[in-house]
C-alpha atoms as a PDB file:
ATOM      1  CA  MET A   1       3.091 -18.977  -1.493  1.00  0.00           C
ATOM      2  CA  THR A   2       3.515 -16.027   0.855  1.00  0.00           C
ATOM      3  CA  THR A   3       0.685 -13.501   0.939  1.00  0.00           C
ATOM      4  CA  SER A   4       1.422  -9.767   0.970  1.00  0.00           C
ATOM      5  CA  GLN A   5       0.348  -9.614   4.617  1.00  0.00           C
ATOM      6  CA  GLU A   6       2.978 -12.206   5.566  1.00  0.00           C
ATOM      7  CA  LEU A   7       5.837 -10.411   3.808  1.00  0.00           C
ATOM      8  CA  PHE A   8       8.566  -9.081   6.069  1.00  0.00           C
ATOM      9  CA  GLY A   9      12.141  -7.802   5.824  1.00  0.00           C
ATOM     10  CA  ASP A  10      14.263  -8.613   2.765  1.00  0.00           C
ATOM     11  CA  GLN A  11      11.574 -10.834   1.256  1.00  0.00           C
ATOM     12  CA  HIS A  12       9.088  -7.953   1.486  1.00  0.00           C
ATOM     13  CA  VAL A  13      11.525  -5.597  -0.277  1.00  0.00           C
ATOM     14  CA  GLN A  14      12.289  -8.146  -2.998  1.00  0.00           C
ATOM     15  CA  ARG A  15       8.632  -8.912  -3.815  1.00  0.00           C
ATOM     16  CA  TYR A  16       7.747  -5.198  -3.754  1.00  0.00           C
ATOM     17  CA  ILE A  17      10.521  -4.371  -6.250  1.00  0.00           C
ATOM     18  CA  GLU A  18       9.731  -7.354  -8.504  1.00  0.00           C
ATOM     19  CA  THR A  19       6.031  -6.443  -8.691  1.00  0.00           C
ATOM     20  CA  ASP A  20       6.205  -2.605  -8.478  1.00  0.00           C
ATOM     21  CA  GLY A  21       4.325  -2.858  -5.210  1.00  0.00           C
ATOM     22  CA  GLU A  22       1.550  -5.089  -6.567  1.00  0.00           C
ATOM     23  CA  GLU A  23       2.722  -7.398  -3.773  1.00  0.00           C
ATOM     24  CA  GLY A  24       3.782  -5.623  -0.608  1.00  0.00           C
ATOM     25  CA  TYR A  25       2.168  -2.169  -0.913  1.00  0.00           C
ATOM     26  CA  ALA A  26      -1.037  -3.182   0.890  1.00  0.00           C
ATOM     27  CA  TRP A  27       0.013  -4.806   4.150  1.00  0.00           C
ATOM     28  CA  ARG A  28      -1.375  -5.719   7.569  1.00  0.00           C
ATOM     29  CA  ASN A  29      -4.403  -3.994   9.102  1.00  0.00           C
ATOM     30  CA  GLY A  30      -4.925  -1.772   6.061  1.00  0.00           C
ATOM     31  CA  THR A  31      -1.473  -0.190   6.196  1.00  0.00           C
ATOM     32  CA  LYS A  32       0.441   0.982   3.133  1.00  0.00           C
ATOM     33  CA  ILE A  33       4.126   0.255   2.579  1.00  0.00           C
ATOM     34  CA  LEU A  34       6.846   2.207   0.807  1.00  0.00           C
ATOM     35  CA  LEU A  35      10.422   1.212   0.197  1.00  0.00           C
ATOM     36  CA  LEU A  36      13.132   3.428   1.663  1.00  0.00           C
ATOM     37  CA  PHE A  37      16.578   3.217   0.074  1.00  0.00           C
ATOM     38  CA  THR A  38      19.481   4.674   2.041  1.00  0.00           C
ATOM     39  CA  THR A  39      23.258   4.516   1.782  1.00  0.00           C
ATOM     40  CA  GLY A  40      24.934   2.655   4.624  1.00  0.00           C
ATOM     41  CA  ARG A  41      26.902   5.209   6.650  1.00  0.00           C
ATOM     42  CA  LYS A  42      29.680   2.657   7.279  1.00  0.00           C
ATOM     43  CA  SER A  43      29.449   0.308   4.281  1.00  0.00           C
ATOM     44  CA  GLY A  44      28.512   2.829   1.584  1.00  0.00           C
ATOM     45  CA  GLU A  45      26.155   0.148   0.222  1.00  0.00           C
ATOM     46  CA  GLU A  46      22.525   0.686  -0.689  1.00  0.00           C
ATOM     47  CA  ARG A  47      20.094  -0.519   1.966  1.00  0.00           C
ATOM     48  CA  ALA A  48      16.363  -1.030   1.442  1.00  0.00           C
ATOM     49  CA  ASN A  49      13.587  -1.197   4.032  1.00  0.00           C
ATOM     50  CA  ALA A  50       9.851  -1.790   3.690  1.00  0.00           C
ATOM     51  CA  LEU A  51       8.130   0.704   6.004  1.00  0.00           C
ATOM     52  CA  ILE A  52       4.594   1.713   6.928  1.00  0.00           C
ATOM     53  CA  PHE A  53       3.865   5.204   5.639  1.00  0.00           C
ATOM     54  CA  GLU A  54       1.166   7.820   5.388  1.00  0.00           C
ATOM     55  CA  PRO A  55       1.040  10.599   2.814  1.00  0.00           C
ATOM     56  CA  ASP A  56       1.096  14.128   4.207  1.00  0.00           C
ATOM     57  CA  GLY A  57       0.394  16.620   1.441  1.00  0.00           C
ATOM     58  CA  ASP A  58       3.157  15.994  -1.107  1.00  0.00           C
ATOM     59  CA  ASP A  59       5.375  14.353   1.530  1.00  0.00           C
ATOM     60  CA  TYR A  60       5.487  10.873   3.047  1.00  0.00           C
ATOM     61  CA  LEU A  61       5.702  10.133   6.766  1.00  0.00           C
ATOM     62  CA  ILE A  62       7.489   7.153   8.327  1.00  0.00           C
ATOM     63  CA  VAL A  63       8.316   6.329  11.956  1.00  0.00           C
ATOM     64  CA  ALA A  64      11.781   5.330  13.236  1.00  0.00           C
ATOM     65  CA  SER A  65      10.385   3.035  15.935  1.00  0.00           C
ATOM     66  CA  LYS A  66      12.332  -0.251  15.693  1.00  0.00           C
ATOM     67  CA  GLY A  67       9.524  -1.706  17.801  1.00  0.00           C
ATOM     68  CA  GLY A  68      10.436   0.507  20.751  1.00  0.00           C
ATOM     69  CA  ALA A  69      14.050  -0.648  20.997  1.00  0.00           C
ATOM     70  CA  PRO A  70      16.420   1.645  22.928  1.00  0.00           C
ATOM     71  CA  ALA A  71      18.426   2.418  19.755  1.00  0.00           C
ATOM     72  CA  PRO A  72      16.938   3.769  16.529  1.00  0.00           C
ATOM     73  CA  PRO A  73      16.835   1.652  13.367  1.00  0.00           C
ATOM     74  CA  ALA A  74      19.979   1.650  11.210  1.00  0.00           C
ATOM     75  CA  TRP A  75      18.083   3.277   8.328  1.00  0.00           C
ATOM     76  CA  PHE A  76      17.407   6.301  10.555  1.00  0.00           C
ATOM     77  CA  LEU A  77      21.110   6.653  11.388  1.00  0.00           C
ATOM     78  CA  ASN A  78      21.848   6.460   7.642  1.00  0.00           C
ATOM     79  CA  LEU A  79      19.337   9.272   7.018  1.00  0.00           C
ATOM     80  CA  GLU A  80      20.903  11.401   9.745  1.00  0.00           C
ATOM     81  CA  ALA A  81      24.346  10.865   8.210  1.00  0.00           C
ATOM     82  CA  ASP A  82      23.172  11.868   4.709  1.00  0.00           C
ATOM     83  CA  PRO A  83      19.568  13.098   4.438  1.00  0.00           C
ATOM     84  CA  ASP A  84      19.890  13.539   0.663  1.00  0.00           C
ATOM     85  CA  ALA A  85      21.219  10.035  -0.109  1.00  0.00           C
ATOM     86  CA  VAL A  86      17.647   8.779  -0.072  1.00  0.00           C
ATOM     87  CA  GLU A  87      15.313   7.204  -2.575  1.00  0.00           C
ATOM     88  CA  VAL A  88      11.712   6.241  -2.005  1.00  0.00           C
ATOM     89  CA  GLN A  89       9.528   3.818  -3.937  1.00  0.00           C
ATOM     90  CA  VAL A  90       5.744   3.967  -3.724  1.00  0.00           C
ATOM     91  CA  LYS A  91       4.297   1.205  -5.891  1.00  0.00           C
ATOM     92  CA  GLY A  92       6.143   1.623  -9.232  1.00  0.00           C
ATOM     93  CA  ASP A  93       7.272   5.215  -8.611  1.00  0.00           C
ATOM     94  CA  ARG A  94      10.893   5.451  -7.398  1.00  0.00           C
ATOM     95  CA  PHE A  95      12.279   8.925  -6.757  1.00  0.00           C
ATOM     96  CA  LYS A  96      15.027  10.832  -4.944  1.00  0.00           C
ATOM     97  CA  ALA A  97      14.015  12.429  -1.669  1.00  0.00           C
ATOM     98  CA  HIS A  98      15.253  14.550   1.206  1.00  0.00           C
ATOM     99  CA  ALA A  99      14.660  13.171   4.709  1.00  0.00           C
ATOM    100  CA  ARG A 100      14.180  15.256   7.815  1.00  0.00           C
ATOM    101  CA  THR A 101      12.884  14.692  11.318  1.00  0.00           C
ATOM    102  CA  ALA A 102       9.534  16.304  12.086  1.00  0.00           C
ATOM    103  CA  THR A 103       9.891  19.479  14.143  1.00  0.00           C
ATOM    104  CA  PRO A 104       8.492  19.601  17.696  1.00  0.00           C
ATOM    105  CA  GLU A 105       5.631  21.724  16.311  1.00  0.00           C
ATOM    106  CA  GLU A 106       4.811  19.239  13.519  1.00  0.00           C
ATOM    107  CA  LYS A 107       5.307  15.998  15.399  1.00  0.00           C
ATOM    108  CA  PRO A 108       2.055  15.797  17.449  1.00  0.00           C
ATOM    109  CA  ARG A 109      -0.135  16.013  14.337  1.00  0.00           C
ATOM    110  CA  MET A 110       2.108  13.680  12.358  1.00  0.00           C
ATOM    111  CA  TRP A 111       2.388  11.185  15.231  1.00  0.00           C
ATOM    112  CA  GLN A 112      -1.401  11.060  15.493  1.00  0.00           C
ATOM    113  CA  LYS A 113      -1.666  10.403  11.760  1.00  0.00           C
ATOM    114  CA  MET A 114       0.841   7.550  12.013  1.00  0.00           C
ATOM    115  CA  THR A 115      -0.763   5.986  15.114  1.00  0.00           C
ATOM    116  CA  GLU A 116      -4.117   6.013  13.332  1.00  0.00           C
ATOM    117  CA  ALA A 117      -2.429   3.875  10.647  1.00  0.00           C
ATOM    118  CA  TRP A 118      -0.491   1.676  13.116  1.00  0.00           C
ATOM    119  CA  PRO A 119      -1.692   2.034  16.757  1.00  0.00           C
ATOM    120  CA  ASP A 120       1.256  -0.034  18.069  1.00  0.00           C
ATOM    121  CA  TYR A 121       3.516   3.013  17.640  1.00  0.00           C
ATOM    122  CA  ASP A 122       2.104   4.283  20.960  1.00  0.00           C
ATOM    123  CA  ASN A 123       3.076   0.959  22.589  1.00  0.00           C
ATOM    124  CA  TYR A 124       6.551   1.187  21.067  1.00  0.00           C
ATOM    125  CA  GLN A 125       6.994   4.694  22.538  1.00  0.00           C
ATOM    126  CA  GLU A 126       6.013   3.372  25.997  1.00  0.00           C
ATOM    127  CA  ARG A 127       8.757   0.693  25.765  1.00  0.00           C
ATOM    128  CA  THR A 128      11.621   3.164  25.356  1.00  0.00           C
ATOM    129  CA  ASP A 129      13.009   6.338  26.898  1.00  0.00           C
ATOM    130  CA  ARG A 130      14.065   7.433  23.404  1.00  0.00           C
ATOM    131  CA  GLN A 131      11.748   9.882  21.686  1.00  0.00           C
ATOM    132  CA  ILE A 132      10.700   8.000  18.553  1.00  0.00           C
ATOM    133  CA  PRO A 133      10.967  10.350  15.579  1.00  0.00           C
ATOM    134  CA  VAL A 134       8.559  10.856  12.728  1.00  0.00           C
ATOM    135  CA  VAL A 135      10.543  11.241   9.504  1.00  0.00           C
ATOM    136  CA  VAL A 136       9.309  13.431   6.671  1.00  0.00           C
ATOM    137  CA  LEU A 137      10.331  12.330   3.183  1.00  0.00           C
ATOM    138  CA  GLU A 138      10.198  15.202   0.701  1.00  0.00           C
ATOM    139  CA  ARG A 139      10.405  14.445  -3.020  1.00  0.00           C
ATOM    140  CA  ALA A 140      13.614  16.032  -4.358  1.00  0.00           C
END
């Protein structure tokens, strides 16, 4: 049996959905996970990703790091293509959301909040010339 801390990728998404986050919400090193549902900008199909998040007031913050790869994750490109074709699931609560990139004024505070949750984000930023965005998910 896979523990919640070992969940990753599609298996993580599947177990999270099946259990309303009972498995998959609490993850490695005390992080919390939400599910992000986007519409593929090329396929038009729903895509789901399990992502580390932190609440920020009524909003949720996620980081488009892709481990510091030179290109952003596909889910981020889907959000850029249609920032309103977004759903978020936190535990058993699934809702429509609007996605936007943190402004230059907001990002330092939000980045610090996210690196407190997952310190490797700083390492990921060092690996790439790309400015890794913080994404703000606002309940629609």
